[in-house]
Amino acid sequence: MVTEIPSFLSASVIIPTFVFLVLVWIIIHRALYSSNILKKKRLEISIATAGVLVGWFAIVFVLGNNGFFAETPVNVPTELLIGTDIHVPNILFTFLLIYGIIIIVFFSKTLQPVFDDLPQHWLIGIQTYRIAGYSFLTLYSMGLLPGEFALPSGYGDMIVGFTAPLVAYLFFLKKSYSKMLAIAWNIIGILDLVVAVVIGILAYPIPFQVLSTEVSTELLALFPLVMIPAFAVPLAALLHLASLRVLLKK
């Protein structure tokens, strides 16, 4: 059983993820101050956004560092149905909680004007962070992640990350095809995240593990790699949705 990822990869996960957090806040902060929202309200939203992002990052950091997400304390009583009880790891419940919160935030009437004021080229360009997907490929080459997960997730992230600046630049130039290109790019970016989450869950070592692989995806629940599924992935998904929301309204 894998207990930790190589120390030299830790910085390549934690630092880019924190930089991602800071850039997201800067984008929201600048958008607020160019919006029609009252000045006092702008400051309140900006401070609240910073607090939520930093708090979220800190909680995942601390809990992950203490092995919380890899634990399986929840016993689902399914013995009568499948002959055994299922022990569900905390990481799965974390997924449900985080994505539930994202849905609430996305449809929040208070935050909808903020999302609408976010410049598209910023929303797109910030996804350059996804180049960090090379970490999955590195871990696969070391035999620590299954190819079924690492290859589509790693290459998918890198493709989205490397093309983000180009798509953002073309949208900034207001090319005639830039809107459709941005929509297609966002959809591809979301599909990449969905594939990563689905395969990550299917190959996770639980009693009802669906995808049998030579090595499992248990590493995703361990620190510091857990910062990606529990923080970076849902935040990236929210940015894609915010971008599509505006693009499809125009």
Protein backbone atom coordinates (compact mmCIF):
# COMPACT_ATOMS: atom_id res chain seq x y z
CA MET A 1 0.00 0.00 0.00
CA VAL A 2 1.32 3.44 -0.98
CA THR A 3 1.64 5.77 2.00
CA GLU A 4 3.10 8.91 0.40
CA ILE A 5 4.23 10.41 -2.87
CA PRO A 6 7.89 11.26 -3.51
CA SER A 7 8.92 14.43 -1.66
CA PHE A 8 10.28 16.08 -4.79
CA LEU A 9 6.77 16.06 -6.27
CA SER A 10 5.13 17.65 -3.24
CA ALA A 11 6.18 21.18 -4.19
CA SER A 12 4.94 20.65 -7.76
CA VAL A 13 1.47 19.99 -6.34
CA ILE A 14 1.19 22.41 -3.42
CA ILE A 15 2.82 25.52 -4.93
CA PRO A 16 0.88 25.56 -8.24
CA THR A 17 -2.36 24.86 -6.37
CA PHE A 18 -1.81 27.80 -4.02
CA VAL A 19 -0.84 30.05 -6.95
CA PHE A 20 -4.06 28.94 -8.64
CA LEU A 21 -5.98 30.04 -5.53
CA VAL A 22 -4.33 33.47 -5.51
CA LEU A 23 -4.96 34.04 -9.21
CA VAL A 24 -8.63 33.11 -8.87
CA TRP A 25 -9.03 35.65 -6.07
CA ILE A 26 -7.21 38.36 -8.08
CA ILE A 27 -9.52 37.78 -11.04
CA ILE A 28 -12.63 37.99 -8.88
CA HIS A 29 -11.30 41.04 -7.00
CA ARG A 30 -10.52 42.96 -10.20
CA ALA A 31 -13.84 42.01 -11.75
CA LEU A 32 -15.67 43.27 -8.67
CA TYR A 33 -14.06 46.69 -8.89
CA SER A 34 -15.10 47.09 -12.52
CA SER A 35 -18.67 45.97 -11.85
CA ASN A 36 -21.80 47.92 -10.98
CA ILE A 37 -21.94 46.46 -7.48
CA LEU A 38 -21.87 49.04 -4.68
CA LYS A 39 -18.35 49.81 -3.42
CA LYS A 40 -19.05 48.55 0.12
CA LYS A 41 -20.54 45.35 -1.25
CA ARG A 42 -17.52 44.83 -3.52
CA LEU A 43 -15.15 44.86 -0.56
CA GLU A 44 -17.36 42.49 1.42
CA ILE A 45 -17.54 39.99 -1.44
CA SER A 46 -13.80 40.26 -2.11
CA ILE A 47 -12.88 39.62 1.53
CA ALA A 48 -15.42 36.80 1.81
CA THR A 49 -14.07 35.19 -1.37
CA ALA A 50 -10.51 35.35 -0.07
CA GLY A 51 -11.63 33.85 3.24
CA VAL A 52 -13.50 30.99 1.58
CA LEU A 53 -10.64 30.13 -0.80
CA VAL A 54 -7.92 30.28 1.86
CA GLY A 55 -10.12 28.47 4.39
CA TRP A 56 -10.96 25.74 1.90
CA PHE A 57 -7.28 25.33 0.96
CA ALA A 58 -6.23 25.25 4.62
CA ILE A 59 -8.85 22.69 5.62
CA VAL A 60 -7.89 20.32 2.81
CA PHE A 61 -4.20 20.90 3.58
CA VAL A 62 -4.53 20.14 7.30
CA LEU A 63 -6.94 17.22 6.97
CA GLY A 64 -4.97 15.76 4.09
CA ASN A 65 -1.71 16.04 5.99
CA ASN A 66 -3.33 14.09 8.83
CA GLY A 67 -4.55 11.32 6.54
CA PHE A 68 -8.24 12.16 6.98
CA PHE A 69 -9.29 11.63 3.37
CA ALA A 70 -7.78 8.15 3.12
CA GLU A 71 -9.60 6.90 6.22
CA THR A 72 -12.71 4.72 5.87
CA PRO A 73 -14.71 5.32 9.06
CA VAL A 74 -18.13 5.19 7.45
CA ASN A 75 -19.70 1.75 7.41
CA VAL A 76 -22.63 1.53 5.00
CA PRO A 77 -24.95 -1.34 6.15
CA THR A 78 -25.41 -3.22 2.87
CA GLU A 79 -24.85 -6.78 4.09
CA LEU A 80 -28.45 -7.82 3.35
CA LEU A 81 -28.11 -6.60 -0.25
CA ILE A 82 -24.62 -7.69 -1.32
CA GLY A 83 -23.48 -9.95 1.53
CA THR A 84 -21.08 -7.48 3.12
CA ASP A 85 -20.98 -4.00 4.55
CA ILE A 86 -19.20 -1.30 2.57
CA HIS A 87 -16.55 0.89 4.16
CA VAL A 88 -16.60 4.24 2.36
CA PRO A 89 -13.48 6.47 2.46
CA ASN A 90 -13.82 10.10 3.51
CA ILE A 91 -12.62 11.29 0.11
CA LEU A 92 -15.89 10.14 -1.52
CA PHE A 93 -18.04 12.03 0.97
CA THR A 94 -15.75 15.03 0.47
CA PHE A 95 -16.50 14.91 -3.25
CA LEU A 96 -20.24 14.98 -2.62
CA LEU A 97 -19.96 17.86 -0.15
CA ILE A 98 -17.68 20.02 -2.30
CA TYR A 99 -19.63 19.59 -5.52
CA GLY A 100 -22.88 20.23 -3.67
CA ILE A 101 -21.44 23.52 -2.41
CA ILE A 102 -20.25 24.41 -5.92
CA ILE A 103 -23.77 23.98 -7.28
CA ILE A 104 -25.11 26.26 -4.54
CA VAL A 105 -22.42 28.87 -5.23
CA PHE A 106 -22.94 28.70 -8.99
CA PHE A 107 -26.66 29.39 -8.69
CA SER A 108 -26.28 32.00 -5.94
CA LYS A 109 -28.13 35.19 -6.91
CA THR A 110 -25.56 37.21 -4.99
CA LEU A 111 -22.62 35.81 -6.93
CA GLN A 112 -24.20 35.53 -10.38
CA PRO A 113 -23.45 39.20 -11.22
CA VAL A 114 -19.85 38.61 -10.17
CA PHE A 115 -19.50 35.60 -12.48
CA ASP A 116 -21.07 37.57 -15.32
CA ASP A 117 -18.52 40.39 -14.92
CA LEU A 118 -15.48 38.11 -15.00
CA PRO A 119 -13.51 38.73 -18.24
CA GLN A 120 -13.57 35.61 -20.39
CA HIS A 121 -9.90 35.74 -21.33
CA TRP A 122 -9.02 35.72 -17.62
CA LEU A 123 -11.32 32.79 -16.86
CA ILE A 124 -9.82 30.84 -19.73
CA GLY A 125 -6.19 31.84 -19.27
CA ILE A 126 -6.08 30.87 -15.60
CA GLN A 127 -6.63 27.24 -16.58
CA THR A 128 -3.01 27.22 -17.72
CA TYR A 129 -2.56 25.80 -14.22
CA ARG A 130 -3.68 22.46 -15.62
CA ILE A 131 -0.22 21.95 -17.11
CA ALA A 132 0.55 20.59 -13.64
CA GLY A 133 -1.18 17.42 -14.85
CA TYR A 134 2.30 16.21 -15.75
CA SER A 135 2.50 15.09 -12.10
CA PHE A 136 0.08 12.27 -12.91
CA LEU A 137 2.30 11.11 -15.76
CA THR A 138 5.38 11.23 -13.54
CA LEU A 139 3.67 9.11 -10.90
CA TYR A 140 2.50 6.68 -13.59
CA SER A 141 6.06 6.30 -14.88
CA MET A 142 7.09 5.44 -11.30
CA GLY A 143 4.37 2.79 -11.06
CA LEU A 144 2.42 4.71 -8.41
CA LEU A 145 -0.72 5.50 -10.44
CA PRO A 146 -2.58 3.30 -12.94
CA GLY A 147 -2.28 4.19 -16.61
CA GLU A 148 -6.07 3.97 -16.93
CA PHE A 149 -6.25 7.10 -14.77
CA ALA A 150 -2.92 8.87 -15.24
CA LEU A 151 -2.75 8.85 -19.05
CA PRO A 152 -6.15 10.40 -19.90
CA SER A 153 -6.06 12.71 -16.87
CA GLY A 154 -2.45 13.79 -17.27
CA TYR A 155 -2.49 14.34 -21.02
CA GLY A 156 -5.98 15.83 -20.87
CA ASP A 157 -4.95 18.37 -18.25
CA MET A 158 -1.80 19.28 -20.15
CA ILE A 159 -3.70 19.78 -23.40
CA VAL A 160 -6.21 22.06 -21.65
CA GLY A 161 -3.40 23.90 -19.84
CA PHE A 162 -1.20 24.46 -22.90
CA THR A 163 -4.12 25.62 -25.08
CA ALA A 164 -5.60 27.94 -22.43
CA PRO A 165 -3.33 30.94 -23.23
CA LEU A 166 -4.01 30.61 -26.97
CA VAL A 167 -7.80 30.39 -26.57
CA ALA A 168 -7.72 33.30 -24.11
CA TYR A 169 -5.64 35.42 -26.48
CA LEU A 170 -7.90 34.73 -29.46
CA PHE A 171 -10.95 35.64 -27.37
CA PHE A 172 -9.24 38.84 -26.23
CA LEU A 173 -8.66 39.75 -29.90
CA LYS A 174 -12.39 39.15 -30.51
CA LYS A 175 -11.87 36.86 -33.46
CA SER A 176 -15.09 35.84 -35.22
CA TYR A 177 -14.67 32.21 -34.20
CA SER A 178 -13.43 32.90 -30.66
CA LYS A 179 -16.80 32.39 -28.96
CA MET A 180 -17.40 28.94 -30.44
CA LEU A 181 -13.78 28.03 -29.80
CA ALA A 182 -14.09 29.08 -26.15
CA ILE A 183 -17.31 27.09 -25.73
CA ALA A 184 -15.75 23.97 -27.26
CA TRP A 185 -12.60 24.40 -25.17
CA ASN A 186 -14.60 24.76 -21.95
CA ILE A 187 -16.60 21.63 -22.73
CA ILE A 188 -13.40 19.68 -23.39
CA GLY A 189 -11.97 21.00 -20.12
CA ILE A 190 -15.03 19.87 -18.17
CA LEU A 191 -15.03 16.45 -19.83
CA ASP A 192 -11.37 16.05 -18.88
CA LEU A 193 -12.26 16.71 -15.23
CA VAL A 194 -15.25 14.37 -15.35
CA VAL A 195 -13.17 11.55 -16.83
CA ALA A 196 -10.51 12.06 -14.15
CA VAL A 197 -13.04 11.99 -11.30
CA VAL A 198 -14.95 8.97 -12.65
CA ILE A 199 -11.86 6.84 -13.33
CA GLY A 200 -10.34 7.96 -10.04
CA ILE A 201 -13.39 6.66 -8.17
CA LEU A 202 -13.79 3.47 -10.22
CA ALA A 203 -10.15 2.48 -9.62
CA TYR A 204 -10.14 3.40 -5.92
CA PRO A 205 -9.56 0.42 -3.55
CA ILE A 206 -13.01 -0.04 -2.03
CA PRO A 207 -15.15 -3.20 -1.78
CA PHE A 208 -17.12 -2.29 -4.90
CA GLN A 209 -14.09 -1.20 -6.94
CA VAL A 210 -15.26 -1.41 -10.54
CA LEU A 211 -12.03 -0.88 -12.46
CA SER A 212 -9.37 -3.47 -11.71
CA THR A 213 -5.90 -1.99 -12.24
CA GLU A 214 -2.36 -3.09 -11.42
CA VAL A 215 -2.10 -0.21 -8.94
CA SER A 216 -5.07 1.70 -7.55
CA THR A 217 -5.79 5.42 -7.30
CA GLU A 218 -5.49 5.43 -3.50
CA LEU A 219 -2.67 7.96 -3.85
CA LEU A 220 -5.28 10.60 -4.75
CA ALA A 221 -6.59 10.52 -1.18
CA LEU A 222 -3.14 11.04 0.32
CA PHE A 223 -1.34 14.29 0.99
CA PRO A 224 -0.31 16.29 -0.96
CA LEU A 225 -1.95 14.81 -4.06
CA VAL A 226 -5.37 15.10 -2.40
CA MET A 227 -5.08 18.88 -2.90
CA ILE A 228 -5.93 18.25 -6.55
CA PRO A 229 -9.25 16.33 -6.29
CA ALA A 230 -10.40 18.09 -3.12
CA PHE A 231 -9.47 21.65 -4.14
CA ALA A 232 -8.05 22.28 -7.60
CA VAL A 233 -10.43 20.11 -9.63
CA PRO A 234 -13.71 21.49 -8.21
CA LEU A 235 -12.37 25.06 -8.46
CA ALA A 236 -11.36 24.49 -12.09
CA ALA A 237 -14.82 23.03 -12.78
CA LEU A 238 -16.48 26.11 -11.27
CA LEU A 239 -14.41 28.40 -13.51
CA HIS A 240 -15.37 26.38 -16.60
CA LEU A 241 -19.05 26.61 -15.64
CA ALA A 242 -18.77 30.34 -14.97
CA SER A 243 -17.21 30.83 -18.39
CA LEU A 244 -19.83 28.74 -20.19
CA ARG A 245 -22.62 30.54 -18.36
CA VAL A 246 -21.59 33.88 -19.85
CA LEU A 247 -20.70 32.51 -23.29
CA LEU A 248 -24.05 30.77 -23.72
CA LYS A 249 -25.97 33.88 -22.65
CA LYS A 250 -24.42 36.07 -25.37
